[in-house]
PDB file of N, CA and C in Angstrom:
ATOM      1  N   MET A   1     125.263 -79.808 -19.786  1.00  0.00           N
ATOM      2  CA  MET A   1     123.925 -80.517 -19.232  1.00  0.00           C
ATOM      3  C   MET A   1     123.639 -80.519 -17.925  1.00  0.00           C
ATOM      4  N   ALA A   2     122.664 -79.733 -17.431  1.00  0.00           N
ATOM      5  CA  ALA A   2     122.117 -79.768 -15.947  1.00  0.00           C
ATOM      6  C   ALA A   2     121.915 -80.899 -15.169  1.00  0.00           C
ATOM      7  N   PRO A   3     122.346 -80.769 -13.810  1.00  0.00           N
ATOM      8  CA  PRO A   3     122.091 -81.913 -13.115  1.00  0.00           C
ATOM      9  C   PRO A   3     120.459 -81.885 -12.970  1.00  0.00           C
ATOM     10  N   VAL A   4     120.368 -83.339 -12.686  1.00  0.00           N
ATOM     11  CA  VAL A   4     119.181 -83.733 -12.918  1.00  0.00           C
ATOM     12  C   VAL A   4     118.759 -84.195 -11.086  1.00  0.00           C
ATOM     13  N   HIS A   5     117.587 -83.566 -10.149  1.00  0.00           N
ATOM     14  CA  HIS A   5     117.375 -83.836  -8.957  1.00  0.00           C
ATOM     15  C   HIS A   5     115.942 -84.472  -9.313  1.00  0.00           C
ATOM     16  N   ALA A   6     116.077 -85.364  -8.274  1.00  0.00           N
ATOM     17  CA  ALA A   6     115.016 -86.319  -7.917  1.00  0.00           C
ATOM     18  C   ALA A   6     113.281 -85.329  -7.929  1.00  0.00           C
ATOM     19  N   SER A   7     113.756 -84.554  -7.109  1.00  0.00           N
ATOM     20  CA  SER A   7     112.357 -83.253  -7.333  1.00  0.00           C
ATOM     21  C   SER A   7     111.801 -82.895  -8.496  1.00  0.00           C
ATOM     22  N   ASP A   8     112.742 -82.660  -9.709  1.00  0.00           N
ATOM     23  CA  ASP A   8     112.347 -82.242 -10.807  1.00  0.00           C
ATOM     24  C   ASP A   8     112.177 -83.496 -11.874  1.00  0.00           C
ATOM     25  N   PRO A   9     110.956 -83.608 -12.203  1.00  0.00           N
ATOM     26  CA  PRO A   9     109.792 -82.676 -11.809  1.00  0.00           C
ATOM     27  C   PRO A   9     109.074 -82.968 -11.140  1.00  0.00           C
ATOM     28  N   SER A  10     108.164 -82.372 -10.727  1.00  0.00           N
ATOM     29  CA  SER A  10     107.453 -82.817  -9.429  1.00  0.00           C
ATOM     30  C   SER A  10     106.333 -84.334  -9.843  1.00  0.00           C
ATOM     31  N   PRO A  11     106.475 -84.688  -8.752  1.00  0.00           N
ATOM     32  CA  PRO A  11     105.759 -86.205  -8.853  1.00  0.00           C
ATOM     33  C   PRO A  11     104.198 -86.133  -9.091  1.00  0.00           C
ATOM     34  N   SER A  12     103.481 -84.667  -9.330  1.00  0.00           N
ATOM     35  CA  SER A  12     102.181 -84.779  -9.833  1.00  0.00           C
ATOM     36  C   SER A  12     102.237 -84.011 -11.504  1.00  0.00           C
ATOM     37  N   SER A  13     103.603 -83.626 -11.681  1.00  0.00           N
ATOM     38  CA  SER A  13     103.460 -83.093 -13.265  1.00  0.00           C
ATOM     39  C   SER A  13     104.026 -84.239 -14.030  1.00  0.00           C
ATOM     40  N   THR A  14     103.176 -84.414 -15.196  1.00  0.00           N
ATOM     41  CA  THR A  14     103.327 -85.543 -15.907  1.00  0.00           C
ATOM     42  C   THR A  14     104.640 -84.834 -17.161  1.00  0.00           C
ATOM     43  N   PRO A  15     105.630 -85.277 -17.289  1.00  0.00           N
ATOM     44  CA  PRO A  15     106.277 -85.050 -18.390  1.00  0.00           C
ATOM     45  C   PRO A  15     106.002 -84.834 -19.748  1.00  0.00           C
ATOM     46  N   THR A  16     106.068 -84.091 -20.975  1.00  0.00           N
ATOM     47  CA  THR A  16     105.414 -83.978 -22.112  1.00  0.00           C
ATOM     48  C   THR A  16     106.773 -84.014 -22.956  1.00  0.00           C
ATOM     49  N   ILE A  17     106.704 -84.427 -23.909  1.00  0.00           N
ATOM     50  CA  ILE A  17     107.878 -83.976 -25.177  1.00  0.00           C
ATOM     51  C   ILE A  17     107.453 -82.848 -25.995  1.00  0.00           C
ATOM     52  N   THR A  18     108.444 -82.237 -26.114  1.00  0.00           N
ATOM     53  CA  THR A  18     108.192 -81.212 -27.283  1.00  0.00           C
ATOM     54  C   THR A  18     109.263 -80.979 -28.304  1.00  0.00           C
ATOM     55  N   PRO A  19     109.502 -80.311 -29.063  1.00  0.00           N
ATOM     56  CA  PRO A  19     110.424 -80.445 -30.397  1.00  0.00           C
ATOM     57  C   PRO A  19     111.853 -79.251 -29.749  1.00  0.00           C
ATOM     58  N   ASP A  20     112.641 -79.536 -30.424  1.00  0.00           N
ATOM     59  CA  ASP A  20     113.605 -78.071 -30.393  1.00  0.00           C
ATOM     60  C   ASP A  20     113.494 -77.502 -31.553  1.00  0.00           C
ATOM     61  N   THR A  21     113.361 -76.633 -32.064  1.00  0.00           N
ATOM     62  CA  THR A  21     113.416 -75.794 -33.101  1.00  0.00           C
ATOM     63  C   THR A  21     114.278 -75.265 -33.439  1.00  0.00           C
ATOM     64  N   THR A  22     115.602 -75.345 -33.066  1.00  0.00           N
ATOM     65  CA  THR A  22     116.605 -74.350 -33.148  1.00  0.00           C
ATOM     66  C   THR A  22     117.310 -74.884 -34.339  1.00  0.00           C
ATOM     67  N   LEU A  23     117.814 -73.764 -34.846  1.00  0.00           N
ATOM     68  CA  LEU A  23     118.229 -74.369 -36.516  1.00  0.00           C
ATOM     69  C   LEU A  23     119.738 -73.629 -36.090  1.00  0.00           C
ATOM     70  N   ASP A  24     120.569 -74.554 -36.932  1.00  0.00           N
ATOM     71  CA  ASP A  24     122.084 -74.461 -36.993  1.00  0.00           C
ATOM     72  C   ASP A  24     122.243 -73.235 -38.329  1.00  0.00           C
ATOM     73  N   PRO A  25     122.686 -71.889 -38.118  1.00  0.00           N
ATOM     74  CA  PRO A  25     122.271 -71.308 -39.539  1.00  0.00           C
ATOM     75  C   PRO A  25     123.947 -72.031 -40.163  1.00  0.00           C
ATOM     76  N   THR A  26     124.877 -72.610 -39.848  1.00  0.00           N
ATOM     77  CA  THR A  26     125.468 -73.114 -41.003  1.00  0.00           C
ATOM     78  C   THR A  26     125.663 -74.674 -41.326  1.00  0.00           C
ATOM     79  N   THR A  27     124.640 -75.034 -41.038  1.00  0.00           N
ATOM     80  CA  THR A  27     124.258 -76.401 -41.603  1.00  0.00           C
ATOM     81  C   THR A  27     122.803 -76.377 -42.648  1.00  0.00           C
ATOM     82  N   GLY A  28     122.253 -75.422 -43.213  1.00  0.00           N
ATOM     83  CA  GLY A  28     120.964 -75.193 -43.735  1.00  0.00           C
ATOM     84  C   GLY A  28     119.835 -75.384 -42.914  1.00  0.00           C
ATOM     85  N   ASP A  29     119.212 -76.492 -43.282  1.00  0.00           N
ATOM     86  CA  ASP A  29     117.952 -76.640 -42.696  1.00  0.00           C
ATOM     87  C   ASP A  29     117.632 -76.798 -41.059  1.00  0.00           C
ATOM     88  N   GLY A  30     118.740 -77.312 -40.960  1.00  0.00           N
ATOM     89  CA  GLY A  30     119.060 -77.812 -39.380  1.00  0.00           C
ATOM     90  C   GLY A  30     118.237 -79.145 -38.903  1.00  0.00           C
ATOM     91  N   ASP A  31     117.804 -79.722 -39.755  1.00  0.00           N
ATOM     92  CA  ASP A  31     116.846 -80.814 -39.414  1.00  0.00           C
ATOM     93  C   ASP A  31     117.297 -81.793 -38.023  1.00  0.00           C
ATOM     94  N   HIS A  32     118.708 -81.880 -38.603  1.00  0.00           N
ATOM     95  CA  HIS A  32     119.615 -82.995 -37.668  1.00  0.00           C
ATOM     96  C   HIS A  32     119.522 -82.552 -36.497  1.00  0.00           C
ATOM     97  N   ASP A  33     119.619 -80.849 -36.315  1.00  0.00           N
ATOM     98  CA  ASP A  33     119.779 -80.446 -34.691  1.00  0.00           C
ATOM     99  C   ASP A  33     118.330 -80.673 -34.046  1.00  0.00           C
ATOM    100  N   ARG A  34     117.154 -81.039 -34.384  1.00  0.00           N
ATOM    101  CA  ARG A  34     115.870 -81.074 -33.675  1.00  0.00           C
ATOM    102  C   ARG A  34     115.518 -82.371 -33.026  1.00  0.00           C
ATOM    103  N   TYR A  35     115.211 -82.189 -31.918  1.00  0.00           N
ATOM    104  CA  TYR A  35     114.712 -83.137 -31.338  1.00  0.00           C
ATOM    105  C   TYR A  35     113.675 -82.854 -30.549  1.00  0.00           C
ATOM    106  N   ALA A  36     112.735 -83.821 -29.930  1.00  0.00           N
ATOM    107  CA  ALA A  36     111.897 -83.689 -29.424  1.00  0.00           C
ATOM    108  C   ALA A  36     112.060 -83.609 -27.538  1.00  0.00           C
ATOM    109  N   HIS A  37     111.958 -82.730 -26.957  1.00  0.00           N
ATOM    110  CA  HIS A  37     112.467 -82.781 -25.627  1.00  0.00           C
ATOM    111  C   HIS A  37     111.496 -83.050 -24.371  1.00  0.00           C
ATOM    112  N   ILE A  38     111.967 -83.460 -23.331  1.00  0.00           N
ATOM    113  CA  ILE A  38     110.655 -83.929 -22.422  1.00  0.00           C
ATOM    114  C   ILE A  38     110.712 -82.726 -21.495  1.00  0.00           C
ATOM    115  N   CYS A  39     109.626 -81.895 -21.258  1.00  0.00           N
ATOM    116  CA  CYS A  39     109.563 -81.108 -20.487  1.00  0.00           C
ATOM    117  C   CYS A  39     107.991 -81.327 -19.606  1.00  0.00           C
ATOM    118  N   ARG A  40     107.641 -80.175 -18.855  1.00  0.00           N
ATOM    119  CA  ARG A  40     106.612 -80.545 -17.761  1.00  0.00           C
ATOM    120  C   ARG A  40     105.242 -79.876 -18.635  1.00  0.00           C
ATOM    121  N   LYS A  41     104.029 -80.835 -18.875  1.00  0.00           N
ATOM    122  CA  LYS A  41     103.110 -80.392 -19.693  1.00  0.00           C
ATOM    123  C   LYS A  41     102.614 -79.177 -19.420  1.00  0.00           C
ATOM    124  N   GLU A  42     102.178 -78.401 -18.007  1.00  0.00           N
ATOM    125  CA  GLU A  42     102.280 -77.248 -17.847  1.00  0.00           C
ATOM    126  C   GLU A  42     103.057 -76.160 -18.441  1.00  0.00           C
ATOM    127  N   ASP A  43     104.080 -76.483 -18.621  1.00  0.00           N
ATOM    128  CA  ASP A  43     105.566 -75.525 -19.265  1.00  0.00           C
ATOM    129  C   ASP A  43     104.683 -75.123 -20.524  1.00  0.00           C
ATOM    130  N   VAL A  44     104.871 -76.429 -21.066  1.00  0.00           N
ATOM    131  CA  VAL A  44     104.751 -76.543 -22.861  1.00  0.00           C
ATOM    132  C   VAL A  44     103.310 -75.634 -22.919  1.00  0.00           C
ATOM    133  N   THR A  45     102.354 -76.018 -22.174  1.00  0.00           N
ATOM    134  CA  THR A  45     100.547 -75.184 -22.563  1.00  0.00           C
ATOM    135  C   THR A  45     101.110 -73.426 -22.261  1.00  0.00           C
ATOM    136  N   ARG A  46     101.775 -73.283 -21.419  1.00  0.00           N
ATOM    137  CA  ARG A  46     101.880 -71.714 -21.014  1.00  0.00           C
ATOM    138  C   ARG A  46     103.183 -71.380 -22.111  1.00  0.00           C
ATOM    139  N   ALA A  47     103.889 -71.980 -22.383  1.00  0.00           N
ATOM    140  CA  ALA A  47     104.774 -71.471 -23.434  1.00  0.00           C
ATOM    141  C   ALA A  47     104.012 -71.560 -25.263  1.00  0.00           C
ATOM    142  N   TYR A  48     103.293 -72.436 -25.531  1.00  0.00           N
ATOM    143  CA  TYR A  48     102.291 -72.299 -26.361  1.00  0.00           C
ATOM    144  C   TYR A  48     101.415 -71.081 -26.471  1.00  0.00           C
ATOM    145  N   ILE A  49     100.754 -70.899 -25.423  1.00  0.00           N
ATOM    146  CA  ILE A  49      99.985 -69.575 -25.343  1.00  0.00           C
ATOM    147  C   ILE A  49     100.552 -68.479 -24.977  1.00  0.00           C
ATOM    148  N   THR A  50     101.883 -68.081 -23.978  1.00  0.00           N
ATOM    149  CA  THR A  50     102.565 -66.966 -24.176  1.00  0.00           C
ATOM    150  C   THR A  50     103.594 -66.466 -25.074  1.00  0.00           C
ATOM    151  N   GLY A  51     104.218 -67.757 -25.485  1.00  0.00           N
ATOM    152  CA  GLY A  51     105.085 -67.600 -26.332  1.00  0.00           C
ATOM    153  C   GLY A  51     106.890 -67.365 -25.380  1.00  0.00           C
ATOM    154  N   GLU A  52     106.496 -67.826 -24.144  1.00  0.00           N
ATOM    155  CA  GLU A  52     107.835 -68.172 -23.719  1.00  0.00           C
ATOM    156  C   GLU A  52     108.391 -69.202 -23.601  1.00  0.00           C
ATOM    157  N   ALA A  53     109.856 -68.854 -23.580  1.00  0.00           N
ATOM    158  CA  ALA A  53     110.922 -70.124 -23.700  1.00  0.00           C
ATOM    159  C   ALA A  53     110.588 -70.869 -22.294  1.00  0.00           C
ATOM    160  N   ILE A  54     110.940 -72.127 -22.630  1.00  0.00           N
ATOM    161  CA  ILE A  54     110.796 -73.233 -21.466  1.00  0.00           C
ATOM    162  C   ILE A  54     111.874 -74.129 -21.367  1.00  0.00           C
ATOM    163  N   GLU A  55     112.186 -75.102 -20.442  1.00  0.00           N
ATOM    164  CA  GLU A  55     113.348 -75.568 -20.456  1.00  0.00           C
ATOM    165  C   GLU A  55     113.182 -77.083 -20.189  1.00  0.00           C
ATOM    166  N   ALA A  56     113.863 -77.899 -21.012  1.00  0.00           N
ATOM    167  CA  ALA A  56     113.876 -79.343 -20.929  1.00  0.00           C
ATOM    168  C   ALA A  56     114.410 -79.775 -19.806  1.00  0.00           C
ATOM    169  N   LEU A  57     114.478 -81.084 -19.480  1.00  0.00           N
ATOM    170  CA  LEU A  57     115.052 -82.447 -18.615  1.00  0.00           C
ATOM    171  C   LEU A  57     116.532 -81.913 -18.763  1.00  0.00           C
ATOM    172  N   CYS A  58     116.996 -81.626 -20.140  1.00  0.00           N
ATOM    173  CA  CYS A  58     118.441 -81.843 -20.531  1.00  0.00           C
ATOM    174  C   CYS A  58     119.078 -80.404 -20.476  1.00  0.00           C
ATOM    175  N   GLY A  59     118.277 -79.082 -19.953  1.00  0.00           N
ATOM    176  CA  GLY A  59     118.629 -77.773 -19.741  1.00  0.00           C
ATOM    177  C   GLY A  59     118.197 -77.045 -21.319  1.00  0.00           C
ATOM    178  N   LYS A  60     117.948 -77.613 -22.197  1.00  0.00           N
ATOM    179  CA  LYS A  60     117.838 -76.767 -23.318  1.00  0.00           C
ATOM    180  C   LYS A  60     116.369 -75.864 -22.982  1.00  0.00           C
ATOM    181  N   LYS A  61     116.722 -74.511 -23.394  1.00  0.00           N
ATOM    182  CA  LYS A  61     115.782 -73.648 -23.459  1.00  0.00           C
ATOM    183  C   LYS A  61     115.417 -73.308 -24.883  1.00  0.00           C
ATOM    184  N   TRP A  62     114.217 -73.099 -25.266  1.00  0.00           N
ATOM    185  CA  TRP A  62     113.663 -72.697 -26.507  1.00  0.00           C
ATOM    186  C   TRP A  62     111.709 -72.399 -26.186  1.00  0.00           C
ATOM    187  N   VAL A  63     111.246 -71.850 -27.236  1.00  0.00           N
ATOM    188  CA  VAL A  63     110.082 -71.748 -27.471  1.00  0.00           C
ATOM    189  C   VAL A  63     109.406 -73.023 -28.535  1.00  0.00           C
ATOM    190  N   PRO A  64     108.582 -73.868 -27.699  1.00  0.00           N
ATOM    191  CA  PRO A  64     107.945 -74.801 -28.753  1.00  0.00           C
ATOM    192  C   PRO A  64     106.964 -74.788 -29.598  1.00  0.00           C
ATOM    193  N   THR A  65     107.242 -74.809 -31.010  1.00  0.00           N
ATOM    194  CA  THR A  65     106.413 -74.501 -31.901  1.00  0.00           C
ATOM    195  C   THR A  65     105.782 -75.680 -32.718  1.00  0.00           C
ATOM    196  N   ARG A  66     106.444 -76.581 -33.065  1.00  0.00           N
ATOM    197  CA  ARG A  66     106.096 -77.581 -33.658  1.00  0.00           C
ATOM    198  C   ARG A  66     105.636 -79.144 -32.859  1.00  0.00           C
ATOM    199  N   ASP A  67     105.228 -79.838 -33.812  1.00  0.00           N
ATOM    200  CA  ASP A  67     104.609 -81.232 -33.495  1.00  0.00           C
ATOM    201  C   ASP A  67     105.853 -82.094 -33.078  1.00  0.00           C
ATOM    202  N   PRO A  68     106.004 -82.223 -31.556  1.00  0.00           N
ATOM    203  CA  PRO A  68     107.166 -83.505 -31.157  1.00  0.00           C
ATOM    204  C   PRO A  68     107.114 -84.883 -31.837  1.00  0.00           C
ATOM    205  N   ASP A  69     105.709 -84.765 -32.567  1.00  0.00           N
ATOM    206  CA  ASP A  69     105.909 -86.501 -32.724  1.00  0.00           C
ATOM    207  C   ASP A  69     106.529 -86.721 -34.221  1.00  0.00           C
ATOM    208  N   ARG A  70     107.008 -85.384 -34.627  1.00  0.00           N
ATOM    209  CA  ARG A  70     107.972 -85.371 -36.180  1.00  0.00           C
ATOM    210  C   ARG A  70     109.065 -85.695 -35.681  1.00  0.00           C
ATOM    211  N   TYR A  71     109.863 -85.636 -34.344  1.00  0.00           N
ATOM    212  CA  TYR A  71     111.148 -85.512 -34.186  1.00  0.00           C
ATOM    213  C   TYR A  71     111.576 -86.873 -33.156  1.00  0.00           C
ATOM    214  N   PRO A  72     112.874 -87.110 -33.114  1.00  0.00           N
ATOM    215  CA  PRO A  72     113.358 -88.255 -32.264  1.00  0.00           C
ATOM    216  C   PRO A  72     113.143 -87.816 -31.007  1.00  0.00           C
ATOM    217  N   VAL A  73     113.171 -88.527 -29.891  1.00  0.00           N
ATOM    218  CA  VAL A  73     113.476 -87.806 -28.827  1.00  0.00           C
ATOM    219  C   VAL A  73     114.706 -87.333 -27.929  1.00  0.00           C
ATOM    220  N   CYS A  74     115.235 -86.540 -27.332  1.00  0.00           N
ATOM    221  CA  CYS A  74     116.600 -85.881 -27.156  1.00  0.00           C
ATOM    222  C   CYS A  74     117.412 -87.203 -26.231  1.00  0.00           C
ATOM    223  N   PRO A  75     118.117 -87.465 -26.842  1.00  0.00           N
ATOM    224  CA  PRO A  75     119.038 -88.334 -25.711  1.00  0.00           C
ATOM    225  C   PRO A  75     119.408 -88.085 -24.217  1.00  0.00           C
ATOM    226  N   ALA A  76     119.377 -86.743 -24.198  1.00  0.00           N
ATOM    227  CA  ALA A  76     120.232 -86.021 -22.840  1.00  0.00           C
ATOM    228  C   ALA A  76     118.805 -86.263 -21.913  1.00  0.00           C
ATOM    229  N   CYS A  77     117.469 -86.364 -22.418  1.00  0.00           N
ATOM    230  CA  CYS A  77     116.209 -86.058 -21.829  1.00  0.00           C
ATOM    231  C   CYS A  77     115.818 -87.319 -21.535  1.00  0.00           C
ATOM    232  N   LYS A  78     116.061 -88.482 -22.585  1.00  0.00           N
ATOM    233  CA  LYS A  78     115.561 -89.892 -22.142  1.00  0.00           C
ATOM    234  C   LYS A  78     116.737 -90.420 -20.829  1.00  0.00           C
ATOM    235  N   GLU A  79     118.144 -90.304 -20.860  1.00  0.00           N
ATOM    236  CA  GLU A  79     118.458 -89.986 -19.762  1.00  0.00           C
ATOM    237  C   GLU A  79     118.249 -89.537 -18.346  1.00  0.00           C
ATOM    238  N   ALA A  80     118.031 -88.611 -18.475  1.00  0.00           N
ATOM    239  CA  ALA A  80     117.570 -87.944 -17.382  1.00  0.00           C
ATOM    240  C   ALA A  80     116.227 -88.107 -17.061  1.00  0.00           C
ATOM    241  N   ILE A  81     115.260 -88.383 -17.579  1.00  0.00           N
ATOM    242  CA  ILE A  81     113.940 -88.886 -16.946  1.00  0.00           C
ATOM    243  C   ILE A  81     114.180 -90.381 -16.559  1.00  0.00           C
ATOM    244  N   ALA A  82     114.980 -91.389 -17.358  1.00  0.00           N
ATOM    245  CA  ALA A  82     115.245 -92.527 -16.615  1.00  0.00           C
ATOM    246  C   ALA A  82     115.992 -92.550 -15.323  1.00  0.00           C
ATOM    247  N   LYS A  83     116.933 -91.397 -14.916  1.00  0.00           N
ATOM    248  CA  LYS A  83     117.460 -91.358 -13.659  1.00  0.00           C
ATOM    249  C   LYS A  83     116.110 -90.963 -12.879  1.00  0.00           C
ATOM    250  N   ILE A  84     115.440 -90.339 -13.291  1.00  0.00           N
ATOM    251  CA  ILE A  84     114.522 -89.516 -12.172  1.00  0.00           C
ATOM    252  C   ILE A  84     113.471 -90.910 -11.673  1.00  0.00           C
ATOM    253  N   ARG A  85     113.194 -91.360 -12.897  1.00  0.00           N
ATOM    254  CA  ARG A  85     112.446 -92.726 -12.404  1.00  0.00           C
ATOM    255  C   ARG A  85     112.720 -93.953 -11.725  1.00  0.00           C
ATOM    256  N   SER A  86     114.323 -93.979 -11.772  1.00  0.00           N
ATOM    257  CA  SER A  86     115.183 -94.762 -11.551  1.00  0.00           C
ATOM    258  C   SER A  86     115.215 -94.678  -9.833  1.00  0.00           C
ATOM    259  N   SER A  87     115.459 -93.171  -9.493  1.00  0.00           N
ATOM    260  CA  SER A  87     115.634 -92.551  -8.457  1.00  0.00           C
ATOM    261  C   SER A  87     114.251 -92.875  -7.395  1.00  0.00           C
ATOM    262  N   GLY A  88     113.239 -92.834  -8.077  1.00  0.00           N
ATOM    263  CA  GLY A  88     112.077 -93.049  -7.297  1.00  0.00           C
ATOM    264  C   GLY A  88     111.341 -94.344  -7.283  1.00  0.00           C
ATOM    265  N   GLU A  89     111.973 -95.354  -7.426  1.00  0.00           N
ATOM    266  CA  GLU A  89     111.991 -96.532  -7.301  1.00  0.00           C
ATOM    267  C   GLU A  89     112.745 -97.231  -5.779  1.00  0.00           C
ATOM    268  N   ASN A  90     113.491 -96.527  -5.654  1.00  0.00           N
ATOM    269  CA  ASN A  90     114.503 -96.726  -4.295  1.00  0.00           C
ATOM    270  C   ASN A  90     113.640 -96.721  -2.606  1.00  0.00           C
TER     271      ASN A  90
END
C-alpha cells in the first residue's frame, strides 16, 4: 500500500468511490475481489471519458467501468481517507 500524504487528495478535490473491476482468473467470476475505491472525482470523470487507468487512495490502479454502489468500499481506501481527514483536524 502506498503511503498517504495530507496533500493527497487536494482539499478542493472531493473523493469519489469507484469500483475495482479486476478479476482473479483463478477464482471464477472474481466478485470477492471487487471493491469500490476512493478516488478524486476529476480522475473518475476523466477515466470514464478517456478509458485511462486511475489510482485509488490505496494505490490500486484500474479503469473504472462499473457502478460503485454495487460493491463494498475498499478497507485500505477507508483507512487512507480516515488518516487524511484526521490529519486535517490538527
